[in-house]
Amino acid sequence: MTNLHGNRKIPGWRDIDAEEFRAYVGLLVLSGVYRSKHESTKSLWSEKWGRSIFRATMSQKRFQNISRALRFDDKLSRPQRHVDKMAPFRKVWNMWTHRLEMLFSPDRDLCVDEQLVAFKGRCSFRQYMPKKPAKYGIKIWAACDVKTSYAWRLQVYTGKAAPDRVEVNQGMRVVLDMTEGLQGHVVTCDNFFTSCALADELLKRKMALVGTIRQNKPELPPHLLQAKKREIFSSIFAFTNTHTLVSYIPRRGKNVLLLSTKHRRPDVSKEGKRKPVIIEDYNKCKGGVDNLDMVVGTYSCRRRTNYWPLALFHNVLDVSLYNAYVLWTSIESSWQKRKGHRRRVFIEEVGEMLVNPHIAKRGHLPRSSAAAAVVRFVTTAAAATGHSPIIKCKSRRQCELCKEKRRRVVNTCCKCEKYTCKDHSVTICNNCPI
């Protein structure tokens, strides 16, 4: 569909093949490794401040043209699917989420929460969430494994099914959808989702529920709601045959309510703030989706865009990279174990493996000496070994020919390999014979 749209809209468009598309994705991945989420494309390709691997892979204009043309469906056939708001991205989304569930079996503890993909452009189901850092964006319901934060099941929220009708028990519907097909798990969620009806339904599916619950629920006993004149760090429990409720006072005049079908005893910690065991277990498991947001944002490949399917596509790449890291380290637990930045090394190697086949097939060398050196290295190593090598990017050093100015550069002379700035070289430094 990218070639289809490119031929329609971009003059002089050259069709993209699978290898070049992988190289494009690899550059997005590497931009995330280098923390370039808010850096302009011009800066990434700059000879002075950019990275040589970007110039060695493709030109800046080609990268921008692919970003402009990237599409996931045929726009002319979309009126036939006008009922689905996710139509421009639905096919890719369904294929991807189906694979997430096939590749991983979640541990006993599962966390269900909401994720916000930052986006301020035009989108019919864009949400405003003031408590999130981005505030505006596309809301995704997420079910994550608590132990690893692996994103096991995701669902985009596209708004109300009917504009004139309020969705009843939305939180219950979301949790049941997110845990469909599971048994023997403990689901942790916040007060938006938790209710006694949800706990009963999960028990029928042989799953337990632990979560905070809102005080406006009619099934709550009145004495649990009272917080005045109660001692700080005190707890009141209420039990049924299957449910446990606790009201805890963390500070004067404030109580926290939790519902659990996992705990059956009024156990309270004897240390510190005397928290009930239900609260301690909730605190251990509640951050599965929040931790996913944190680790995904660390090396995010997101770029500025006004096209919401592209924003979702960037999020797909970010989550896929983290999930792939979880799978790889669970299989190869000894891989790079001594390094404290294993995930960064993993993402960098993934990005380089994606771009190297395209670099090795370049017809001519780039003008930049550093980028030309990268192309030579990849081409030579690929010819000798038959597979793509890992590129060790050069660090910045002072230009060895500058006497008055102290310029730190990454470019080197093709012959003597001295570090030289733009004033003293193009591809060969001034000291070397041409």
Protein backbone atom coordinates (compact mmCIF):
# COMPACT_ATOMS: atom_id res chain seq x y z
CA MET A 1 0.00 0.00 0.00
CA THR A 2 3.00 2.28 0.49
CA ASN A 3 3.99 1.87 -3.17
CA LEU A 4 0.38 2.41 -4.22
CA HIS A 5 0.13 5.69 -2.30
CA GLY A 6 3.62 6.80 -3.32
CA ASN A 7 2.85 6.38 -7.04
CA ARG A 8 -0.35 8.39 -6.60
CA LYS A 9 0.94 11.28 -4.51
CA ILE A 10 4.74 11.65 -4.71
CA PRO A 11 6.33 12.74 -8.02
CA GLY A 12 9.24 10.54 -9.11
CA TRP A 13 8.40 7.85 -6.55
CA ARG A 14 10.63 4.75 -6.65
CA ASP A 15 8.97 1.55 -5.39
CA ILE A 16 10.16 0.24 -2.04
CA ASP A 17 10.91 -3.47 -1.59
CA ALA A 18 10.95 -5.59 1.58
CA GLU A 19 14.70 -5.12 2.15
CA GLU A 20 14.50 -1.33 1.91
CA PHE A 21 11.48 -1.29 4.20
CA ARG A 22 13.43 -3.28 6.81
CA ALA A 23 16.23 -0.74 6.45
CA TYR A 24 13.72 2.08 7.03
CA VAL A 25 12.45 0.34 10.17
CA GLY A 26 16.05 -0.21 11.25
CA LEU A 27 16.74 3.52 11.04
CA LEU A 28 13.68 4.19 13.20
CA VAL A 29 14.98 1.66 15.72
CA LEU A 30 18.45 3.23 15.75
CA SER A 31 17.00 6.71 16.21
CA GLY A 32 15.38 5.37 19.37
CA VAL A 33 18.68 3.91 20.59
CA TYR A 34 20.33 7.31 20.15
CA ARG A 35 17.49 9.04 22.08
CA SER A 36 16.49 11.05 18.97
CA LYS A 37 12.71 11.06 19.48
CA HIS A 38 12.51 14.86 19.33
CA GLU A 39 15.51 15.39 17.02
CA SER A 40 14.82 16.58 13.48
CA THR A 41 15.51 14.33 10.51
CA LYS A 42 17.88 16.98 9.12
CA SER A 43 19.96 16.76 12.28
CA LEU A 44 20.12 12.95 12.12
CA TRP A 45 21.57 13.09 8.59
CA SER A 46 23.86 16.05 9.31
CA GLU A 47 27.55 15.43 8.53
CA LYS A 48 28.55 17.55 11.50
CA TRP A 49 26.26 16.26 14.28
CA GLY A 50 24.50 13.22 12.79
CA ARG A 51 25.35 9.52 12.75
CA SER A 52 27.20 7.99 9.84
CA ILE A 53 24.99 4.89 9.72
CA PHE A 54 21.98 7.01 8.68
CA ARG A 55 23.83 8.48 5.69
CA ALA A 56 25.26 5.05 4.82
CA THR A 57 21.80 3.44 4.69
CA MET A 58 19.79 5.88 2.57
CA SER A 59 19.48 9.57 1.78
CA GLN A 60 17.49 11.93 3.95
CA LYS A 61 15.09 12.66 1.08
CA ARG A 62 14.39 8.96 0.55
CA PHE A 63 13.69 8.46 4.26
CA GLN A 64 11.28 11.41 4.29
CA ASN A 65 9.51 10.18 1.14
CA ILE A 66 8.96 6.74 2.66
CA SER A 67 7.57 8.36 5.83
CA ARG A 68 5.17 10.46 3.71
CA ALA A 69 4.04 7.47 1.63
CA LEU A 70 3.78 4.85 4.40
CA ARG A 71 0.25 3.42 4.33
CA PHE A 72 -1.37 0.25 5.69
CA ASP A 73 -4.53 0.04 3.56
CA ASP A 74 -5.96 1.23 0.24
CA LYS A 75 -7.70 4.54 0.86
CA LEU A 76 -10.03 4.09 -2.13
CA SER A 77 -11.51 0.88 -0.67
CA ARG A 78 -12.01 2.43 2.77
CA PRO A 79 -15.64 3.62 2.25
CA GLN A 80 -16.64 -0.05 2.23
CA ARG A 81 -15.21 -0.32 5.76
CA HIS A 82 -16.42 3.05 7.08
CA VAL A 83 -18.04 1.42 10.15
CA ASP A 84 -14.59 0.57 11.58
CA LYS A 85 -12.72 3.66 12.83
CA MET A 86 -9.49 1.62 12.88
CA ALA A 87 -9.82 0.68 9.19
CA PRO A 88 -6.59 2.46 8.07
CA PHE A 89 -4.56 0.27 10.47
CA ARG A 90 -6.86 -2.64 11.38
CA LYS A 91 -5.26 -5.39 9.28
CA VAL A 92 -1.72 -4.79 10.53
CA TRP A 93 -2.93 -4.35 14.11
CA ASN A 94 -4.84 -7.67 14.13
CA MET A 95 -1.91 -9.58 12.62
CA TRP A 96 0.48 -8.13 15.19
CA THR A 97 -1.64 -8.61 18.31
CA HIS A 98 -2.38 -12.19 17.27
CA ARG A 99 1.35 -12.92 17.23
CA LEU A 100 1.89 -11.40 20.69
CA GLU A 101 -0.40 -13.97 22.29
CA MET A 102 1.12 -16.91 20.39
CA LEU A 103 4.71 -16.22 21.43
CA PHE A 104 4.35 -15.94 25.21
CA SER A 105 2.48 -17.59 28.10
CA PRO A 106 1.97 -15.11 30.95
CA ASP A 107 2.88 -15.99 34.52
CA ARG A 108 0.28 -16.25 37.27
CA ASP A 109 0.04 -12.50 37.92
CA LEU A 110 -1.47 -10.32 35.17
CA CYS A 111 -2.02 -6.54 35.18
CA VAL A 112 -4.76 -4.81 33.17
CA ASP A 113 -4.50 -1.06 32.68
CA GLU A 114 -4.59 1.66 30.02
CA GLN A 115 -1.78 2.96 27.83
CA LEU A 116 -1.78 6.32 26.04
CA VAL A 117 0.04 6.75 22.72
CA ALA A 118 0.85 10.46 22.52
CA PHE A 119 -0.85 12.12 19.52
CA LYS A 120 -2.27 15.63 19.01
CA GLY A 121 -3.29 15.41 15.37
CA ARG A 122 -6.70 14.78 13.85
CA CYS A 123 -8.22 11.49 14.99
CA SER A 124 -11.89 10.67 15.61
CA PHE A 125 -11.13 8.57 18.73
CA ARG A 126 -8.38 10.69 20.29
CA GLN A 127 -8.70 10.83 24.09
CA TYR A 128 -7.91 13.44 26.72
CA MET A 129 -6.40 11.93 29.89
CA PRO A 130 -5.19 14.71 32.22
CA LYS A 131 -3.36 12.33 34.58
CA LYS A 132 -1.11 10.99 31.82
CA PRO A 133 2.12 12.86 30.92
CA ALA A 134 1.11 13.28 27.26
CA LYS A 135 -2.57 14.12 28.10
CA TYR A 136 -3.75 13.75 24.47
CA GLY A 137 -3.48 10.58 22.43
CA ILE A 138 -4.84 7.17 21.47
CA LYS A 139 -5.92 5.00 24.38
CA ILE A 140 -5.00 1.31 24.38
CA TRP A 141 -6.27 -1.28 26.86
CA ALA A 142 -3.31 -3.49 27.81
CA ALA A 143 -2.85 -6.79 29.63
CA CYS A 144 0.77 -7.29 30.74
CA ASP A 145 2.61 -10.05 32.52
CA VAL A 146 3.60 -8.60 35.90
CA LYS A 147 6.95 -10.40 36.16
CA THR A 148 8.35 -9.25 32.80
CA SER A 149 5.91 -6.46 31.65
CA TYR A 150 5.47 -8.37 28.38
CA ALA A 151 2.54 -6.86 26.48
CA TRP A 152 0.41 -9.98 26.01
CA ARG A 153 -2.85 -8.51 24.71
CA LEU A 154 -3.66 -4.99 23.46
CA GLN A 155 -6.90 -3.37 22.30
CA VAL A 156 -7.34 0.12 20.87
CA TYR A 157 -10.25 2.09 22.33
CA THR A 158 -12.11 3.72 19.43
CA GLY A 159 -14.84 5.42 21.46
CA LYS A 160 -18.49 4.58 22.10
CA ALA A 161 -20.14 1.93 19.97
CA ALA A 162 -23.14 4.26 19.59
CA PRO A 163 -22.65 8.05 20.02
CA ASP A 164 -25.99 8.53 21.79
CA ARG A 165 -25.58 5.60 24.18
CA VAL A 166 -23.38 5.35 27.30
CA GLU A 167 -21.42 2.11 27.64
CA VAL A 168 -22.36 0.38 30.91
CA ASN A 169 -19.74 -1.59 32.86
CA GLN A 170 -16.98 -0.67 30.46
CA GLY A 171 -14.24 -1.65 32.91
CA MET A 172 -15.74 -5.10 33.40
CA ARG A 173 -16.06 -5.64 29.65
CA VAL A 174 -12.41 -4.63 29.09
CA VAL A 175 -10.99 -6.98 31.74
CA LEU A 176 -13.05 -9.91 30.46
CA ASP A 177 -11.85 -9.23 26.90
CA MET A 178 -8.24 -8.88 28.02
CA THR A 179 -8.28 -12.20 29.94
CA GLU A 180 -10.31 -14.27 27.49
CA GLY A 181 -8.96 -17.82 27.30
CA LEU A 182 -6.94 -17.71 30.55
CA GLN A 183 -7.35 -19.82 33.68
CA GLY A 184 -5.62 -19.92 37.06
CA HIS A 185 -4.32 -16.33 36.90
CA VAL A 186 -4.59 -13.43 39.35
CA VAL A 187 -5.74 -10.19 37.68
CA THR A 188 -4.65 -6.86 39.20
CA CYS A 189 -6.37 -3.63 38.14
CA ASP A 190 -7.28 -0.19 39.50
CA ASN A 191 -10.63 1.21 40.62
CA PHE A 192 -11.79 2.01 37.07
CA PHE A 193 -12.16 -1.72 36.39
CA THR A 194 -12.81 -3.33 39.79
CA SER A 195 -16.32 -4.36 40.86
CA CYS A 196 -17.96 -7.29 42.64
CA ALA A 197 -19.67 -8.32 39.39
CA LEU A 198 -16.27 -8.53 37.69
CA ALA A 199 -14.87 -10.60 40.57
CA ASP A 200 -17.82 -13.04 40.29
CA GLU A 201 -17.36 -13.40 36.55
CA LEU A 202 -13.62 -14.02 36.89
CA LEU A 203 -14.27 -16.68 39.55
CA LYS A 204 -16.47 -18.50 37.04
CA ARG A 205 -13.47 -18.48 34.69
CA LYS A 206 -11.23 -19.78 37.52
CA MET A 207 -9.33 -16.52 37.99
CA ALA A 208 -8.86 -14.27 41.02
CA LEU A 209 -9.08 -10.47 41.22
CA VAL A 210 -7.14 -7.96 43.33
CA GLY A 211 -7.83 -4.25 42.90
CA THR A 212 -8.81 -0.95 44.44
CA ILE A 213 -12.54 -0.20 44.35
CA ARG A 214 -14.44 3.08 44.26
CA GLN A 215 -16.48 4.19 47.25
CA ASN A 216 -19.66 4.74 45.19
CA LYS A 217 -20.24 1.04 44.65
CA PRO A 218 -23.61 0.09 46.19
CA GLU A 219 -22.44 -3.33 47.36
CA LEU A 220 -19.92 -1.88 49.86
CA PRO A 221 -20.82 -2.07 53.61
CA PRO A 222 -21.35 1.41 55.11
CA HIS A 223 -18.91 0.89 58.00
CA LEU A 224 -16.02 0.40 55.55
CA LEU A 225 -16.61 3.84 54.05
CA GLN A 226 -16.20 5.75 57.29
CA ALA A 227 -12.77 7.34 57.69
CA LYS A 228 -13.34 9.98 60.38
CA LYS A 229 -12.12 9.30 63.93
CA ARG A 230 -10.35 6.15 62.80
CA GLU A 231 -6.78 5.46 63.89
CA ILE A 232 -4.03 5.99 61.29
CA PHE A 233 -2.71 2.72 59.78
CA SER A 234 -5.78 0.83 60.99
CA SER A 235 -7.64 -1.73 58.84
CA ILE A 236 -11.20 -3.06 58.78
CA PHE A 237 -12.00 -6.29 56.90
CA ALA A 238 -15.27 -7.67 55.55
CA PHE A 239 -15.74 -11.19 54.19
CA THR A 240 -18.17 -13.21 52.10
CA ASN A 241 -17.76 -16.80 50.94
CA THR A 242 -15.62 -15.70 47.98
CA HIS A 243 -14.74 -12.00 48.47
CA THR A 244 -12.52 -10.05 50.87
CA LEU A 245 -12.83 -6.28 51.36
CA VAL A 246 -10.43 -4.11 53.32
CA SER A 247 -10.57 -0.45 54.34
CA TYR A 248 -7.15 0.97 55.25
CA ILE A 249 -6.32 4.44 56.67
CA PRO A 250 -2.98 5.68 55.22
CA ARG A 251 -3.44 9.18 56.71
CA ARG A 252 -6.01 10.95 58.84
CA GLY A 253 -9.42 11.27 57.19
CA LYS A 254 -8.43 9.19 54.12
CA ASN A 255 -9.27 5.54 53.49
CA VAL A 256 -8.31 3.14 50.71
CA LEU A 257 -10.66 0.32 49.69
CA LEU A 258 -9.54 -2.91 48.06
CA LEU A 259 -11.38 -5.99 46.86
CA SER A 260 -9.76 -9.42 46.59
CA THR A 261 -10.88 -12.93 45.75
CA LYS A 262 -7.34 -14.25 46.28
CA HIS A 263 -6.95 -13.54 50.01
CA ARG A 264 -9.08 -15.19 52.68
CA ARG A 265 -7.44 -14.01 55.95
CA PRO A 266 -7.13 -10.57 57.64
CA ASP A 267 -3.31 -10.60 57.52
CA VAL A 268 -1.56 -7.31 58.30
CA SER A 269 2.15 -6.49 58.13
CA LYS A 270 3.69 -5.90 61.54
CA GLU A 271 6.30 -3.48 60.24
CA GLY A 272 6.12 0.22 59.34
CA LYS A 273 2.63 1.35 58.37
CA ARG A 274 0.96 -2.00 59.18
CA LYS A 275 -0.39 -2.41 55.65
CA PRO A 276 -2.72 -5.34 54.93
CA VAL A 277 -1.20 -8.14 52.82
CA ILE A 278 -3.84 -7.40 50.17
CA ILE A 279 -2.38 -3.90 49.68
CA GLU A 280 1.19 -5.19 49.61
CA ASP A 281 0.30 -7.71 46.91
CA TYR A 282 -1.57 -5.03 44.96
CA ASN A 283 1.43 -2.67 45.11
CA LYS A 284 3.74 -5.41 43.78
CA CYS A 285 1.53 -6.16 40.78
CA LYS A 286 -0.17 -2.88 39.85
CA GLY A 287 2.74 -1.46 37.84
CA GLY A 288 2.91 -3.96 34.96
CA VAL A 289 1.57 -1.60 32.29
CA ASP A 290 3.19 1.49 33.83
CA ASN A 291 6.57 -0.24 33.72
CA LEU A 292 5.94 -1.12 30.06
CA ASP A 293 5.32 2.57 29.32
CA MET A 294 8.53 3.51 31.11
CA VAL A 295 10.84 1.02 29.36
CA VAL A 296 9.24 1.64 25.94
CA GLY A 297 9.69 5.40 26.34
CA THR A 298 13.40 5.04 27.17
CA TYR A 299 14.41 4.07 23.62
CA SER A 300 11.31 5.12 21.71
CA CYS A 301 11.49 5.35 17.90
CA ARG A 302 8.53 7.75 17.66
CA ARG A 303 8.79 10.59 15.17
CA ARG A 304 6.59 13.66 14.79
CA THR A 305 3.59 12.93 12.59
CA ASN A 306 0.05 14.17 11.90
CA TYR A 307 -1.06 10.75 10.62
CA TRP A 308 -2.43 8.65 13.50
CA PRO A 309 -1.79 5.19 11.94
CA LEU A 310 1.90 6.13 11.77
CA ALA A 311 1.86 7.04 15.48
CA LEU A 312 0.37 3.61 16.21
CA PHE A 313 2.97 1.98 13.96
CA HIS A 314 5.78 3.61 15.96
CA ASN A 315 4.21 2.27 19.15
CA VAL A 316 3.99 -1.20 17.56
CA LEU A 317 7.75 -1.06 16.90
CA ASP A 318 8.52 0.08 20.46
CA VAL A 319 6.42 -2.63 22.11
CA SER A 320 7.71 -5.28 19.69
CA LEU A 321 11.32 -4.44 20.54
CA TYR A 322 10.67 -4.78 24.26
CA ASN A 323 8.68 -8.01 23.85
CA ALA A 324 11.45 -9.42 21.63
CA TYR A 325 13.99 -8.54 24.32
CA VAL A 326 11.93 -10.39 26.95
CA LEU A 327 11.69 -13.47 24.72
CA TRP A 328 15.39 -13.40 23.82
CA THR A 329 16.66 -13.04 27.39
CA SER A 330 14.32 -15.80 28.61
CA ILE A 331 15.84 -18.15 26.01
CA GLU A 332 19.44 -16.89 26.22
CA SER A 333 19.63 -15.85 29.87
CA SER A 334 23.44 -15.69 29.82
CA TRP A 335 23.61 -13.26 26.86
CA GLN A 336 25.52 -10.07 27.83
CA LYS A 337 24.69 -10.80 31.45
CA ARG A 338 27.46 -8.66 32.89
CA LYS A 339 26.35 -5.50 31.08
CA GLY A 340 24.01 -3.10 32.81
CA HIS A 341 22.57 -1.86 29.51
CA ARG A 342 21.64 -5.18 27.89
CA ARG A 343 18.44 -3.89 26.33
CA ARG A 344 20.23 -1.01 24.64
CA VAL A 345 22.77 -3.42 23.15
CA PHE A 346 19.95 -5.70 22.00
CA ILE A 347 18.00 -2.88 20.29
CA GLU A 348 21.15 -1.52 18.65
CA GLU A 349 22.03 -4.94 17.22
CA VAL A 350 18.46 -5.39 15.93
CA GLY A 351 18.60 -2.01 14.17
CA GLU A 352 21.98 -2.71 12.62
CA MET A 353 20.93 -6.16 11.41
CA LEU A 354 17.94 -4.55 9.69
CA VAL A 355 19.94 -1.90 7.85
CA ASN A 356 23.09 -3.87 6.95
CA PRO A 357 21.69 -5.89 3.98
CA HIS A 358 20.53 -2.64 2.35
CA ILE A 359 23.88 -0.94 3.03
CA ALA A 360 25.79 -3.84 1.44
CA LYS A 361 23.88 -3.37 -1.84
CA ARG A 362 24.55 0.35 -2.28
CA GLY A 363 25.64 1.18 -5.82
CA HIS A 364 27.94 4.08 -4.88
CA LEU A 365 29.69 5.40 -1.80
CA PRO A 366 28.27 8.37 0.14
CA ARG A 367 30.17 11.65 0.05
CA SER A 368 30.77 11.60 3.81
CA SER A 369 33.99 9.80 4.72
CA ALA A 370 32.50 8.24 7.85
CA ALA A 371 29.44 6.95 5.97
CA ALA A 372 31.67 5.65 3.16
CA ALA A 373 33.76 3.79 5.73
CA VAL A 374 30.60 2.16 7.11
CA VAL A 375 29.54 1.03 3.62
CA ARG A 376 33.00 -0.44 2.94
CA PHE A 377 33.04 -2.25 6.27
CA VAL A 378 29.59 -3.78 5.80
CA THR A 379 30.22 -4.74 2.16
CA THR A 380 33.60 -6.34 2.89
CA ALA A 381 32.39 -8.23 5.97
CA ALA A 382 29.22 -9.43 4.24
CA ALA A 383 31.25 -10.72 1.27
CA ALA A 384 33.77 -12.47 3.54
CA THR A 385 31.43 -14.02 6.10
CA GLY A 386 28.14 -14.22 4.21
CA HIS A 387 26.18 -12.37 6.92
CA SER A 388 25.74 -8.81 8.15
CA PRO A 389 28.32 -7.61 10.71
CA ILE A 390 27.70 -5.53 13.80
CA ILE A 391 28.90 -1.96 13.22
CA LYS A 392 30.87 -0.34 16.00
CA CYS A 393 30.08 3.37 15.66
CA LYS A 394 32.98 5.76 16.10
CA SER A 395 33.13 8.10 19.05
CA ARG A 396 33.68 11.83 18.63
CA ARG A 397 37.25 13.09 18.81
CA GLN A 398 39.03 16.37 18.21
CA CYS A 399 40.04 17.18 14.62
CA GLU A 400 43.74 16.34 14.34
CA LEU A 401 44.40 19.10 11.79
CA CYS A 402 42.73 22.00 13.63
CA LYS A 403 45.25 24.07 15.56
CA GLU A 404 43.23 27.00 16.89
CA LYS A 405 39.68 25.64 17.13
CA ARG A 406 38.76 22.57 19.16
CA ARG A 407 36.25 20.75 16.96
CA ARG A 408 34.99 17.29 17.98
CA VAL A 409 34.02 15.20 14.93
CA VAL A 410 33.29 11.61 13.86
CA ASN A 411 34.56 11.90 10.25
CA THR A 412 37.88 10.28 9.38
CA CYS A 413 40.19 10.33 6.38
CA CYS A 414 39.73 7.32 4.08
CA LYS A 415 43.50 6.79 3.80
CA CYS A 416 45.18 7.68 7.09
CA GLU A 417 41.99 7.39 9.23
CA LYS A 418 42.77 10.60 11.13
CA TYR A 419 39.82 12.50 12.59
CA THR A 420 39.17 15.54 10.38
CA CYS A 421 36.54 18.29 10.24
CA LYS A 422 34.73 19.60 7.14
CA ASP A 423 37.28 22.38 6.63
CA HIS A 424 40.14 19.90 6.27
CA SER A 425 38.51 17.07 4.30
CA VAL A 426 35.77 15.85 2.04
CA THR A 427 36.69 12.18 2.03
CA ILE A 428 40.51 12.53 2.10
CA CYS A 429 42.34 14.85 4.48
CA ASN A 430 44.59 17.69 3.26
CA ASN A 431 47.80 15.91 4.35
CA CYS A 432 47.20 12.76 2.24
CA PRO A 433 48.03 12.68 -1.51
CA ILE A 434 45.04 12.25 -3.80
